[in-house]
Amino acid sequence: MQIHVVQPGNSLYGISQAYNVSLEELMKANELGNETRLVVGQTLVIPIRGAYHWVQPGDSLYKISQLYNISIQELARINRVWNYSQLSVGTRLYIPPKKRQPIDVNGYIEPKNNPA
């Protein structure tokens, strides 16, 4: 899941296309019903697994890979980036969800006092 803050000129259709989700999924995730009007500053839930990173000035594939703890090679492969040095500002990169680490959990339940 990701959050999108509505900017001037945004439309539900445009946002759905930008995140590659259907308009219906976007409306359902935000419980919009038939309402399609947006307000600048409104936040929308984007129903995706993982996240998107929009390349900013000064970003590099290395910097982004460190930010999301993913290898440069994996980030490049997923996003079909063949030339690492030609990463354009505004490019959308998909960041896959992190794998969940298995954990061991031990618990103790305190017995209730049962009056005899």
PDB file of N, CA and C in Angstrom:
ATOM      1  N   MET A   1       0.846  -1.167   0.000  1.00  0.00           N
ATOM      2  CA  MET A   1       0.000   0.000   0.000  1.00  0.00           C
ATOM      3  C   MET A   1       0.897   1.237   0.000  1.00  0.00           C
ATOM      4  N   GLN A   2       0.433   2.257  -0.679  1.00  0.00           N
ATOM      5  CA  GLN A   2       1.162   3.517  -0.712  1.00  0.00           C
ATOM      6  C   GLN A   2       0.154   4.651  -0.604  1.00  0.00           C
ATOM      7  N   ILE A   3       0.611   5.787  -0.139  1.00  0.00           N
ATOM      8  CA  ILE A   3      -0.235   6.970  -0.011  1.00  0.00           C
ATOM      9  C   ILE A   3       0.153   7.962  -1.105  1.00  0.00           C
ATOM     10  N   HIS A   4      -0.857   8.552  -1.748  1.00  0.00           N
ATOM     11  CA  HIS A   4      -0.630   9.590  -2.754  1.00  0.00           C
ATOM     12  C   HIS A   4      -1.329  10.847  -2.278  1.00  0.00           C
ATOM     13  N   VAL A   5      -0.632  11.964  -2.279  1.00  0.00           N
ATOM     14  CA  VAL A   5      -1.223  13.253  -1.927  1.00  0.00           C
ATOM     15  C   VAL A   5      -1.613  13.948  -3.235  1.00  0.00           C
ATOM     16  N   VAL A   6      -2.882  14.295  -3.346  1.00  0.00           N
ATOM     17  CA  VAL A   6      -3.417  14.889  -4.569  1.00  0.00           C
ATOM     18  C   VAL A   6      -2.759  16.244  -4.824  1.00  0.00           C
ATOM     19  N   GLN A   7      -2.287  16.412  -6.055  1.00  0.00           N
ATOM     20  CA  GLN A   7      -1.655  17.649  -6.509  1.00  0.00           C
ATOM     21  C   GLN A   7      -2.582  18.347  -7.505  1.00  0.00           C
ATOM     22  N   PRO A   8      -2.373  19.650  -7.742  1.00  0.00           N
ATOM     23  CA  PRO A   8      -3.197  20.341  -8.743  1.00  0.00           C
ATOM     24  C   PRO A   8      -3.123  19.607 -10.089  1.00  0.00           C
ATOM     25  N   GLY A   9      -4.267  19.430 -10.717  1.00  0.00           N
ATOM     26  CA  GLY A   9      -4.318  18.779 -12.022  1.00  0.00           C
ATOM     27  C   GLY A   9      -4.475  17.267 -11.961  1.00  0.00           C
ATOM     28  N   ASN A  10      -4.363  16.674 -10.767  1.00  0.00           N
ATOM     29  CA  ASN A  10      -4.545  15.227 -10.644  1.00  0.00           C
ATOM     30  C   ASN A  10      -5.998  14.838 -10.876  1.00  0.00           C
ATOM     31  N   SER A  11      -6.187  13.671 -11.453  1.00  0.00           N
ATOM     32  CA  SER A  11      -7.517  13.072 -11.590  1.00  0.00           C
ATOM     33  C   SER A  11      -7.408  11.627 -11.120  1.00  0.00           C
ATOM     34  N   LEU A  12      -8.529  11.047 -10.757  1.00  0.00           N
ATOM     35  CA  LEU A  12      -8.509   9.644 -10.341  1.00  0.00           C
ATOM     36  C   LEU A  12      -7.959   8.761 -11.450  1.00  0.00           C
ATOM     37  N   TYR A  13      -8.394   9.040 -12.681  1.00  0.00           N
ATOM     38  CA  TYR A  13      -7.924   8.239 -13.810  1.00  0.00           C
ATOM     39  C   TYR A  13      -6.407   8.373 -13.965  1.00  0.00           C
ATOM     40  N   GLY A  14      -5.900   9.591 -13.909  1.00  0.00           N
ATOM     41  CA  GLY A  14      -4.461   9.818 -14.049  1.00  0.00           C
ATOM     42  C   GLY A  14      -3.663   9.147 -12.952  1.00  0.00           C
ATOM     43  N   ILE A  15      -4.180   9.204 -11.726  1.00  0.00           N
ATOM     44  CA  ILE A  15      -3.498   8.569 -10.600  1.00  0.00           C
ATOM     45  C   ILE A  15      -3.511   7.053 -10.777  1.00  0.00           C
ATOM     46  N   SER A  16      -4.643   6.504 -11.214  1.00  0.00           N
ATOM     47  CA  SER A  16      -4.713   5.053 -11.422  1.00  0.00           C
ATOM     48  C   SER A  16      -3.727   4.608 -12.488  1.00  0.00           C
ATOM     49  N   GLN A  17      -3.566   5.417 -13.539  1.00  0.00           N
ATOM     50  CA  GLN A  17      -2.609   5.084 -14.596  1.00  0.00           C
ATOM     51  C   GLN A  17      -1.171   5.205 -14.102  1.00  0.00           C
ATOM     52  N   ALA A  18      -0.895   6.221 -13.297  1.00  0.00           N
ATOM     53  CA  ALA A  18       0.464   6.435 -12.795  1.00  0.00           C
ATOM     54  C   ALA A  18       0.929   5.277 -11.925  1.00  0.00           C
ATOM     55  N   TYR A  19       0.008   4.682 -11.167  1.00  0.00           N
ATOM     56  CA  TYR A  19       0.374   3.585 -10.273  1.00  0.00           C
ATOM     57  C   TYR A  19       0.019   2.214 -10.829  1.00  0.00           C
ATOM     58  N   ASN A  20      -0.496   2.201 -12.043  1.00  0.00           N
ATOM     59  CA  ASN A  20      -0.826   0.942 -12.715  1.00  0.00           C
ATOM     60  C   ASN A  20      -1.826   0.104 -11.915  1.00  0.00           C
ATOM     61  N   VAL A  21      -2.866   0.775 -11.409  1.00  0.00           N
ATOM     62  CA  VAL A  21      -3.979   0.086 -10.753  1.00  0.00           C
ATOM     63  C   VAL A  21      -5.252   0.510 -11.462  1.00  0.00           C
ATOM     64  N   SER A  22      -6.277  -0.323 -11.392  1.00  0.00           N
ATOM     65  CA  SER A  22      -7.523   0.030 -12.066  1.00  0.00           C
ATOM     66  C   SER A  22      -8.224   1.150 -11.310  1.00  0.00           C
ATOM     67  N   LEU A  23      -9.017   1.905 -12.047  1.00  0.00           N
ATOM     68  CA  LEU A  23      -9.795   2.988 -11.451  1.00  0.00           C
ATOM     69  C   LEU A  23     -10.730   2.424 -10.381  1.00  0.00           C
ATOM     70  N   GLU A  24     -11.312   1.261 -10.659  1.00  0.00           N
ATOM     71  CA  GLU A  24     -12.226   0.634  -9.710  1.00  0.00           C
ATOM     72  C   GLU A  24     -11.507   0.257  -8.407  1.00  0.00           C
ATOM     73  N   GLU A  25     -10.285  -0.305  -8.527  1.00  0.00           N
ATOM     74  CA  GLU A  25      -9.518  -0.667  -7.324  1.00  0.00           C
ATOM     75  C   GLU A  25      -9.200   0.572  -6.490  1.00  0.00           C
ATOM     76  N   LEU A  26      -8.821   1.653  -7.171  1.00  0.00           N
ATOM     77  CA  LEU A  26      -8.481   2.896  -6.490  1.00  0.00           C
ATOM     78  C   LEU A  26      -9.694   3.464  -5.755  1.00  0.00           C
ATOM     79  N   MET A  27     -10.837   3.461  -6.423  1.00  0.00           N
ATOM     80  CA  MET A  27     -12.053   3.996  -5.801  1.00  0.00           C
ATOM     81  C   MET A  27     -12.504   3.118  -4.630  1.00  0.00           C
ATOM     82  N   LYS A  28     -12.385   1.807  -4.786  1.00  0.00           N
ATOM     83  CA  LYS A  28     -12.788   0.889  -3.717  1.00  0.00           C
ATOM     84  C   LYS A  28     -11.869   1.041  -2.506  1.00  0.00           C
ATOM     85  N   ALA A  29     -10.554   1.130  -2.739  1.00  0.00           N
ATOM     86  CA  ALA A  29      -9.590   1.252  -1.638  1.00  0.00           C
ATOM     87  C   ALA A  29      -9.817   2.521  -0.829  1.00  0.00           C
ATOM     88  N   ASN A  30     -10.377   3.554  -1.481  1.00  0.00           N
ATOM     89  CA  ASN A  30     -10.593   4.836  -0.816  1.00  0.00           C
ATOM     90  C   ASN A  30     -12.056   5.086  -0.471  1.00  0.00           C
ATOM     91  N   GLU A  31     -12.891   4.052  -0.674  1.00  0.00           N
ATOM     92  CA  GLU A  31     -14.319   4.134  -0.363  1.00  0.00           C
ATOM     93  C   GLU A  31     -14.955   5.388  -0.954  1.00  0.00           C
ATOM     94  N   LEU A  32     -14.700   5.629  -2.242  1.00  0.00           N
ATOM     95  CA  LEU A  32     -15.189   6.834  -2.902  1.00  0.00           C
ATOM     96  C   LEU A  32     -16.588   6.679  -3.497  1.00  0.00           C
ATOM     97  N   GLY A  33     -17.083   5.456  -3.634  1.00  0.00           N
ATOM     98  CA  GLY A  33     -18.399   5.279  -4.245  1.00  0.00           C
ATOM     99  C   GLY A  33     -18.410   5.871  -5.641  1.00  0.00           C
ATOM    100  N   ASN A  34     -19.344   6.771  -5.907  1.00  0.00           N
ATOM    101  CA  ASN A  34     -19.420   7.421  -7.220  1.00  0.00           C
ATOM    102  C   ASN A  34     -18.721   8.774  -7.245  1.00  0.00           C
ATOM    103  N   GLU A  35     -18.146   9.174  -6.133  1.00  0.00           N
ATOM    104  CA  GLU A  35     -17.481  10.482  -6.031  1.00  0.00           C
ATOM    105  C   GLU A  35     -16.139  10.454  -6.747  1.00  0.00           C
ATOM    106  N   THR A  36     -15.966  11.323  -7.723  1.00  0.00           N
ATOM    107  CA  THR A  36     -14.700  11.361  -8.462  1.00  0.00           C
ATOM    108  C   THR A  36     -13.968  12.685  -8.314  1.00  0.00           C
ATOM    109  N   ARG A  37     -14.562  13.638  -7.600  1.00  0.00           N
ATOM    110  CA  ARG A  37     -13.889  14.923  -7.402  1.00  0.00           C
ATOM    111  C   ARG A  37     -12.794  14.786  -6.356  1.00  0.00           C
ATOM    112  N   LEU A  38     -11.655  15.395  -6.633  1.00  0.00           N
ATOM    113  CA  LEU A  38     -10.525  15.355  -5.711  1.00  0.00           C
ATOM    114  C   LEU A  38     -10.241  16.756  -5.194  1.00  0.00           C
ATOM    115  N   VAL A  39      -9.627  16.825  -4.030  1.00  0.00           N
ATOM    116  CA  VAL A  39      -9.246  18.093  -3.424  1.00  0.00           C
ATOM    117  C   VAL A  39      -7.728  18.087  -3.275  1.00  0.00           C
ATOM    118  N   VAL A  40      -7.076  19.172  -3.693  1.00  0.00           N
ATOM    119  CA  VAL A  40      -5.626  19.280  -3.549  1.00  0.00           C
ATOM    120  C   VAL A  40      -5.268  19.086  -2.077  1.00  0.00           C
ATOM    121  N   GLY A  41      -4.310  18.202  -1.822  1.00  0.00           N
ATOM    122  CA  GLY A  41      -3.896  17.880  -0.462  1.00  0.00           C
ATOM    123  C   GLY A  41      -4.572  16.637   0.091  1.00  0.00           C
ATOM    124  N   GLN A  42      -5.640  16.188  -0.574  1.00  0.00           N
ATOM    125  CA  GLN A  42      -6.328  14.958  -0.168  1.00  0.00           C
ATOM    126  C   GLN A  42      -5.376  13.786  -0.303  1.00  0.00           C
ATOM    127  N   THR A  43      -5.439  12.849   0.626  1.00  0.00           N
ATOM    128  CA  THR A  43      -4.596  11.662   0.533  1.00  0.00           C
ATOM    129  C   THR A  43      -5.418  10.489   0.041  1.00  0.00           C
ATOM    130  N   LEU A  44      -4.822   9.702  -0.828  1.00  0.00           N
ATOM    131  CA  LEU A  44      -5.458   8.507  -1.365  1.00  0.00           C
ATOM    132  C   LEU A  44      -4.588   7.301  -1.071  1.00  0.00           C
ATOM    133  N   VAL A  45      -5.217   6.204  -0.727  1.00  0.00           N
ATOM    134  CA  VAL A  45      -4.519   4.939  -0.547  1.00  0.00           C
ATOM    135  C   VAL A  45      -4.369   4.311  -1.927  1.00  0.00           C
ATOM    136  N   ILE A  46      -3.144   3.921  -2.266  1.00  0.00           N
ATOM    137  CA  ILE A  46      -2.880   3.239  -3.533  1.00  0.00           C
ATOM    138  C   ILE A  46      -2.730   1.752  -3.210  1.00  0.00           C
ATOM    139  N   PRO A  47      -3.661   0.919  -3.700  1.00  0.00           N
ATOM    140  CA  PRO A  47      -3.634  -0.497  -3.334  1.00  0.00           C
ATOM    141  C   PRO A  47      -2.614  -1.295  -4.130  1.00  0.00           C
ATOM    142  N   ILE A  48      -1.363  -1.225  -3.720  1.00  0.00           N
ATOM    143  CA  ILE A  48      -0.303  -1.993  -4.376  1.00  0.00           C
ATOM    144  C   ILE A  48       0.493  -2.730  -3.318  1.00  0.00           C
ATOM    145  N   ARG A  49       1.149  -3.792  -3.721  1.00  0.00           N
ATOM    146  CA  ARG A  49       2.117  -4.470  -2.842  1.00  0.00           C
ATOM    147  C   ARG A  49       3.463  -3.846  -3.164  1.00  0.00           C
ATOM    148  N   GLY A  50       4.170  -3.425  -2.159  1.00  0.00           N
ATOM    149  CA  GLY A  50       5.427  -2.735  -2.390  1.00  0.00           C
ATOM    150  C   GLY A  50       5.168  -1.238  -2.406  1.00  0.00           C
ATOM    151  N   ALA A  51       6.000  -0.521  -3.125  1.00  0.00           N
ATOM    152  CA  ALA A  51       5.870   0.938  -3.179  1.00  0.00           C
ATOM    153  C   ALA A  51       6.493   1.446  -4.474  1.00  0.00           C
ATOM    154  N   TYR A  52       6.286   2.718  -4.714  1.00  0.00           N
ATOM    155  CA  TYR A  52       6.938   3.380  -5.836  1.00  0.00           C
ATOM    156  C   TYR A  52       7.839   4.480  -5.298  1.00  0.00           C
ATOM    157  N   HIS A  53       8.946   4.681  -5.968  1.00  0.00           N
ATOM    158  CA  HIS A  53       9.857   5.789  -5.645  1.00  0.00           C
ATOM    159  C   HIS A  53       9.967   6.638  -6.895  1.00  0.00           C
ATOM    160  N   TRP A  54       9.696   7.933  -6.758  1.00  0.00           N
ATOM    161  CA  TRP A  54       9.828   8.853  -7.882  1.00  0.00           C
ATOM    162  C   TRP A  54      11.217   9.479  -7.777  1.00  0.00           C
ATOM    163  N   VAL A  55      12.025   9.320  -8.794  1.00  0.00           N
ATOM    164  CA  VAL A  55      13.415   9.794  -8.779  1.00  0.00           C
ATOM    165  C   VAL A  55      13.442  11.313  -8.618  1.00  0.00           C
ATOM    166  N   GLN A  56      14.235  11.751  -7.646  1.00  0.00           N
ATOM    167  CA  GLN A  56      14.401  13.171  -7.338  1.00  0.00           C
ATOM    168  C   GLN A  56      15.792  13.638  -7.776  1.00  0.00           C
ATOM    169  N   PRO A  57      15.995  14.953  -7.912  1.00  0.00           N
ATOM    170  CA  PRO A  57      17.340  15.434  -8.232  1.00  0.00           C
ATOM    171  C   PRO A  57      18.341  14.929  -7.198  1.00  0.00           C
ATOM    172  N   GLY A  58      19.470  14.431  -7.655  1.00  0.00           N
ATOM    173  CA  GLY A  58      20.511  13.915  -6.773  1.00  0.00           C
ATOM    174  C   GLY A  58      20.387  12.430  -6.487  1.00  0.00           C
ATOM    175  N   ASP A  59      19.256  11.816  -6.861  1.00  0.00           N
ATOM    176  CA  ASP A  59      19.097  10.375  -6.663  1.00  0.00           C
ATOM    177  C   ASP A  59      19.986   9.601  -7.621  1.00  0.00           C
ATOM    178  N   SER A  60      20.435   8.459  -7.170  1.00  0.00           N
ATOM    179  CA  SER A  60      21.147   7.513  -8.019  1.00  0.00           C
ATOM    180  C   SER A  60      20.571   6.136  -7.702  1.00  0.00           C
ATOM    181  N   LEU A  61      20.801   5.189  -8.588  1.00  0.00           N
ATOM    182  CA  LEU A  61      20.311   3.844  -8.344  1.00  0.00           C
ATOM    183  C   LEU A  61      20.919   3.305  -7.050  1.00  0.00           C
ATOM    184  N   TYR A  62      22.188   3.620  -6.810  1.00  0.00           N
ATOM    185  CA  TYR A  62      22.851   3.179  -5.579  1.00  0.00           C
ATOM    186  C   TYR A  62      22.152   3.767  -4.351  1.00  0.00           C
ATOM    187  N   LYS A  63      21.912   5.075  -4.369  1.00  0.00           N
ATOM    188  CA  LYS A  63      21.294   5.756  -3.238  1.00  0.00           C
ATOM    189  C   LYS A  63      19.895   5.186  -2.961  1.00  0.00           C
ATOM    190  N   ILE A  64      19.120   4.958  -4.017  1.00  0.00           N
ATOM    191  CA  ILE A  64      17.766   4.421  -3.870  1.00  0.00           C
ATOM    192  C   ILE A  64      17.822   2.988  -3.351  1.00  0.00           C
ATOM    193  N   SER A  65      18.770   2.201  -3.855  1.00  0.00           N
ATOM    194  CA  SER A  65      18.887   0.808  -3.406  1.00  0.00           C
ATOM    195  C   SER A  65      19.240   0.756  -1.911  1.00  0.00           C
ATOM    196  N   GLN A  66      20.068   1.686  -1.448  1.00  0.00           N
ATOM    197  CA  GLN A  66      20.417   1.742  -0.031  1.00  0.00           C
ATOM    198  C   GLN A  66      19.222   2.172   0.810  1.00  0.00           C
ATOM    199  N   LEU A  67      18.436   3.107   0.289  1.00  0.00           N
ATOM    200  CA  LEU A  67      17.263   3.614   0.998  1.00  0.00           C
ATOM    201  C   LEU A  67      16.254   2.508   1.267  1.00  0.00           C
ATOM    202  N   TYR A  68      16.079   1.607   0.284  1.00  0.00           N
ATOM    203  CA  TYR A  68      15.076   0.549   0.407  1.00  0.00           C
ATOM    204  C   TYR A  68      15.674  -0.824   0.711  1.00  0.00           C
ATOM    205  N   ASN A  69      16.975  -0.877   0.949  1.00  0.00           N
ATOM    206  CA  ASN A  69      17.656  -2.122   1.302  1.00  0.00           C
ATOM    207  C   ASN A  69      17.411  -3.218   0.251  1.00  0.00           C
ATOM    208  N   ILE A  70      17.698  -2.882  -0.994  1.00  0.00           N
ATOM    209  CA  ILE A  70      17.564  -3.814  -2.114  1.00  0.00           C
ATOM    210  C   ILE A  70      18.830  -3.672  -2.952  1.00  0.00           C
ATOM    211  N   SER A  71      19.280  -4.745  -3.583  1.00  0.00           N
ATOM    212  CA  SER A  71      20.505  -4.645  -4.382  1.00  0.00           C
ATOM    213  C   SER A  71      20.269  -3.786  -5.624  1.00  0.00           C
ATOM    214  N   ILE A  72      21.318  -3.129  -6.061  1.00  0.00           N
ATOM    215  CA  ILE A  72      21.235  -2.310  -7.278  1.00  0.00           C
ATOM    216  C   ILE A  72      20.794  -3.177  -8.458  1.00  0.00           C
ATOM    217  N   GLN A  73      21.349  -4.376  -8.547  1.00  0.00           N
ATOM    218  CA  GLN A  73      21.035  -5.261  -9.667  1.00  0.00           C
ATOM    219  C   GLN A  73      19.558  -5.640  -9.674  1.00  0.00           C
ATOM    220  N   GLU A  74      19.016  -5.947  -8.499  1.00  0.00           N
ATOM    221  CA  GLU A  74      17.596  -6.317  -8.405  1.00  0.00           C
ATOM    222  C   GLU A  74      16.702  -5.124  -8.735  1.00  0.00           C
ATOM    223  N   LEU A  75      17.034  -3.959  -8.217  1.00  0.00           N
ATOM    224  CA  LEU A  75      16.270  -2.746  -8.496  1.00  0.00           C
ATOM    225  C   LEU A  75      16.284  -2.435  -9.993  1.00  0.00           C
ATOM    226  N   ALA A  76      17.449  -2.562 -10.608  1.00  0.00           N
ATOM    227  CA  ALA A  76      17.575  -2.311 -12.052  1.00  0.00           C
ATOM    228  C   ALA A  76      16.796  -3.340 -12.858  1.00  0.00           C
ATOM    229  N   ARG A  77      16.873  -4.602 -12.457  1.00  0.00           N
ATOM    230  CA  ARG A  77      16.176  -5.667 -13.194  1.00  0.00           C
ATOM    231  C   ARG A  77      14.665  -5.471 -13.137  1.00  0.00           C
ATOM    232  N   ILE A  78      14.138  -5.228 -11.951  1.00  0.00           N
ATOM    233  CA  ILE A  78      12.693  -5.069 -11.779  1.00  0.00           C
ATOM    234  C   ILE A  78      12.161  -3.899 -12.590  1.00  0.00           C
ATOM    235  N   ASN A  79      12.952  -2.825 -12.662  1.00  0.00           N
ATOM    236  CA  ASN A  79      12.504  -1.605 -13.331  1.00  0.00           C
ATOM    237  C   ASN A  79      13.046  -1.449 -14.748  1.00  0.00           C
ATOM    238  N   ARG A  80      13.731  -2.471 -15.224  1.00  0.00           N
ATOM    239  CA  ARG A  80      14.296  -2.472 -16.582  1.00  0.00           C
ATOM    240  C   ARG A  80      15.167  -1.242 -16.845  1.00  0.00           C
ATOM    241  N   VAL A  81      16.027  -0.965 -15.880  1.00  0.00           N
ATOM    242  CA  VAL A  81      16.992   0.126 -16.022  1.00  0.00           C
ATOM    243  C   VAL A  81      18.284  -0.506 -16.512  1.00  0.00           C
ATOM    244  N   TRP A  82      18.654  -0.216 -17.739  1.00  0.00           N
ATOM    245  CA  TRP A  82      19.836  -0.858 -18.325  1.00  0.00           C
ATOM    246  C   TRP A  82      21.081   0.013 -18.194  1.00  0.00           C
ATOM    247  N   ASN A  83      20.901   1.323 -18.128  1.00  0.00           N
ATOM    248  CA  ASN A  83      22.031   2.235 -18.005  1.00  0.00           C
ATOM    249  C   ASN A  83      21.874   2.994 -16.688  1.00  0.00           C
ATOM    250  N   TYR A  84      22.641   2.572 -15.689  1.00  0.00           N
ATOM    251  CA  TYR A  84      22.492   3.136 -14.345  1.00  0.00           C
ATOM    252  C   TYR A  84      22.706   4.644 -14.302  1.00  0.00           C
ATOM    253  N   SER A  85      23.523   5.172 -15.191  1.00  0.00           N
ATOM    254  CA  SER A  85      23.853   6.597 -15.142  1.00  0.00           C
ATOM    255  C   SER A  85      22.789   7.469 -15.798  1.00  0.00           C
ATOM    256  N   GLN A  86      21.827   6.867 -16.471  1.00  0.00           N
ATOM    257  CA  GLN A  86      20.794   7.656 -17.138  1.00  0.00           C
ATOM    258  C   GLN A  86      19.448   7.522 -16.424  1.00  0.00           C
ATOM    259  N   LEU A  87      19.454   7.791 -15.142  1.00  0.00           N
ATOM    260  CA  LEU A  87      18.243   7.746 -14.338  1.00  0.00           C
ATOM    261  C   LEU A  87      17.660   9.154 -14.307  1.00  0.00           C
ATOM    262  N   SER A  88      16.538   9.350 -14.969  1.00  0.00           N
ATOM    263  CA  SER A  88      15.956  10.686 -15.126  1.00  0.00           C
ATOM    264  C   SER A  88      15.089  11.074 -13.936  1.00  0.00           C
ATOM    265  N   VAL A  89      15.152  12.344 -13.565  1.00  0.00           N
ATOM    266  CA  VAL A  89      14.296  12.885 -12.520  1.00  0.00           C
ATOM    267  C   VAL A  89      12.848  12.674 -12.955  1.00  0.00           C
ATOM    268  N   GLY A  90      12.026  12.209 -12.026  1.00  0.00           N
ATOM    269  CA  GLY A  90      10.618  11.963 -12.320  1.00  0.00           C
ATOM    270  C   GLY A  90      10.318  10.530 -12.725  1.00  0.00           C
ATOM    271  N   THR A  91      11.365   9.737 -12.958  1.00  0.00           N
ATOM    272  CA  THR A  91      11.156   8.334 -13.303  1.00  0.00           C
ATOM    273  C   THR A  91      10.545   7.611 -12.106  1.00  0.00           C
ATOM    274  N   ARG A  92       9.577   6.754 -12.371  1.00  0.00           N
ATOM    275  CA  ARG A  92       8.941   5.979 -11.313  1.00  0.00           C
ATOM    276  C   ARG A  92       9.618   4.621 -11.226  1.00  0.00           C
ATOM    277  N   LEU A  93      10.100   4.278 -10.048  1.00  0.00           N
ATOM    278  CA  LEU A  93      10.715   2.974  -9.815  1.00  0.00           C
ATOM    279  C   LEU A  93       9.846   2.174  -8.857  1.00  0.00           C
ATOM    280  N   TYR A  94       9.603   0.926  -9.204  1.00  0.00           N
ATOM    281  CA  TYR A  94       8.831   0.044  -8.326  1.00  0.00           C
ATOM    282  C   TYR A  94       9.775  -0.562  -7.303  1.00  0.00           C
ATOM    283  N   ILE A  95       9.377  -0.515  -6.054  1.00  0.00           N
ATOM    284  CA  ILE A  95      10.146  -1.097  -4.959  1.00  0.00           C
ATOM    285  C   ILE A  95       9.328  -2.279  -4.431  1.00  0.00           C
ATOM    286  N   PRO A  96       9.826  -3.507  -4.595  1.00  0.00           N
ATOM    287  CA  PRO A  96       9.048  -4.669  -4.153  1.00  0.00           C
ATOM    288  C   PRO A  96       8.921  -4.703  -2.633  1.00  0.00           C
ATOM    289  N   PRO A  97       7.872  -5.390  -2.144  1.00  0.00           N
ATOM    290  CA  PRO A  97       7.723  -5.488  -0.685  1.00  0.00           C
ATOM    291  C   PRO A  97       8.884  -6.264  -0.085  1.00  0.00           C
ATOM    292  N   LYS A  98       9.227  -5.907   1.130  1.00  0.00           N
ATOM    293  CA  LYS A  98      10.309  -6.609   1.821  1.00  0.00           C
ATOM    294  C   LYS A  98       9.831  -7.996   2.216  1.00  0.00           C
ATOM    295  N   LYS A  99      10.745  -8.947   2.129  1.00  0.00           N
ATOM    296  CA  LYS A  99      10.414 -10.297   2.557  1.00  0.00           C
ATOM    297  C   LYS A  99      10.332 -10.310   4.075  1.00  0.00           C
ATOM    298  N   ARG A 100       9.316 -10.983   4.557  1.00  0.00           N
ATOM    299  CA  ARG A 100       9.156 -11.078   6.007  1.00  0.00           C
ATOM    300  C   ARG A 100      10.105 -12.134   6.546  1.00  0.00           C
ATOM    301  N   GLN A 101      10.769 -11.778   7.610  1.00  0.00           N
ATOM    302  CA  GLN A 101      11.689 -12.692   8.260  1.00  0.00           C
ATOM    303  C   GLN A 101      10.921 -13.557   9.249  1.00  0.00           C
ATOM    304  N   PRO A 102      11.165 -14.867   9.233  1.00  0.00           N
ATOM    305  CA  PRO A 102      10.498 -15.709  10.224  1.00  0.00           C
ATOM    306  C   PRO A 102      11.042 -15.390  11.616  1.00  0.00           C
ATOM    307  N   ILE A 103      10.164 -15.444  12.596  1.00  0.00           N
ATOM    308  CA  ILE A 103      10.599 -15.192  13.967  1.00  0.00           C
ATOM    309  C   ILE A 103      10.068 -16.306  14.862  1.00  0.00           C
ATOM    310  N   ASP A 104      10.745 -16.526  15.949  1.00  0.00           N
ATOM    311  CA  ASP A 104      10.284 -17.449  16.970  1.00  0.00           C
ATOM    312  C   ASP A 104       9.663 -16.620  18.087  1.00  0.00           C
ATOM    313  N   VAL A 105       8.493 -17.032  18.487  1.00  0.00           N
ATOM    314  CA  VAL A 105       7.811 -16.316  19.550  1.00  0.00           C
ATOM    315  C   VAL A 105       7.472 -17.306  20.653  1.00  0.00           C
ATOM    316  N   ASN A 106       7.850 -16.949  21.848  1.00  0.00           N
ATOM    317  CA  ASN A 106       7.496 -17.752  23.014  1.00  0.00           C
ATOM    318  C   ASN A 106       6.575 -16.919  23.888  1.00  0.00           C
ATOM    319  N   GLY A 107       5.601 -17.561  24.441  1.00  0.00           N
ATOM    320  CA  GLY A 107       4.678 -16.835  25.297  1.00  0.00           C
ATOM    321  C   GLY A 107       4.391 -17.628  26.558  1.00  0.00           C
ATOM    322  N   TYR A 108       3.980 -16.925  27.556  1.00  0.00           N
ATOM    323  CA  TYR A 108       3.615 -17.556  28.816  1.00  0.00           C
ATOM    324  C   TYR A 108       2.277 -16.982  29.226  1.00  0.00           C
ATOM    325  N   ILE A 109       1.368 -17.846  29.563  1.00  0.00           N
ATOM    326  CA  ILE A 109       0.046 -17.396  30.012  1.00  0.00           C
ATOM    327  C   ILE A 109      -0.042 -17.665  31.493  1.00  0.00           C
ATOM    328  N   GLU A 110      -0.304 -16.615  32.226  1.00  0.00           N
ATOM    329  CA  GLU A 110      -0.443 -16.718  33.671  1.00  0.00           C
ATOM    330  C   GLU A 110      -1.806 -17.314  33.979  1.00  0.00           C
ATOM    331  N   PRO A 111      -1.826 -18.434  34.727  1.00  0.00           N
ATOM    332  CA  PRO A 111      -3.125 -19.031  35.032  1.00  0.00           C
ATOM    333  C   PRO A 111      -3.926 -18.120  35.941  1.00  0.00           C
ATOM    334  N   LYS A 112      -5.248 -18.114  35.756  1.00  0.00           N
ATOM    335  CA  LYS A 112      -6.128 -17.339  36.624  1.00  0.00           C
ATOM    336  C   LYS A 112      -6.192 -17.994  37.990  1.00  0.00           C
ATOM    337  N   ASN A 113      -6.431 -17.178  38.970  1.00  0.00           N
ATOM    338  CA  ASN A 113      -6.653 -17.743  40.314  1.00  0.00           C
ATOM    339  C   ASN A 113      -8.038 -18.357  40.335  1.00  0.00           C
ATOM    340  N   ASN A 114      -8.091 -19.633  40.507  1.00  0.00           N
ATOM    341  CA  ASN A 114      -9.369 -20.318  40.615  1.00  0.00           C
ATOM    342  C   ASN A 114      -9.621 -20.655  42.069  1.00  0.00           C
ATOM    343  N   PRO A 115     -10.578 -19.973  42.689  1.00  0.00           N
ATOM    344  CA  PRO A 115     -10.874 -20.333  44.073  1.00  0.00           C
ATOM    345  C   PRO A 115     -11.458 -21.734  44.125  1.00  0.00           C
ATOM    346  N   ALA A 116     -10.960 -22.498  45.030  1.00  0.00           N
ATOM    347  CA  ALA A 116     -11.400 -23.893  45.139  1.00  0.00           C
ATOM    348  C   ALA A 116     -12.661 -24.046  45.916  1.00  0.00           C
TER     349      ALA A 116
END
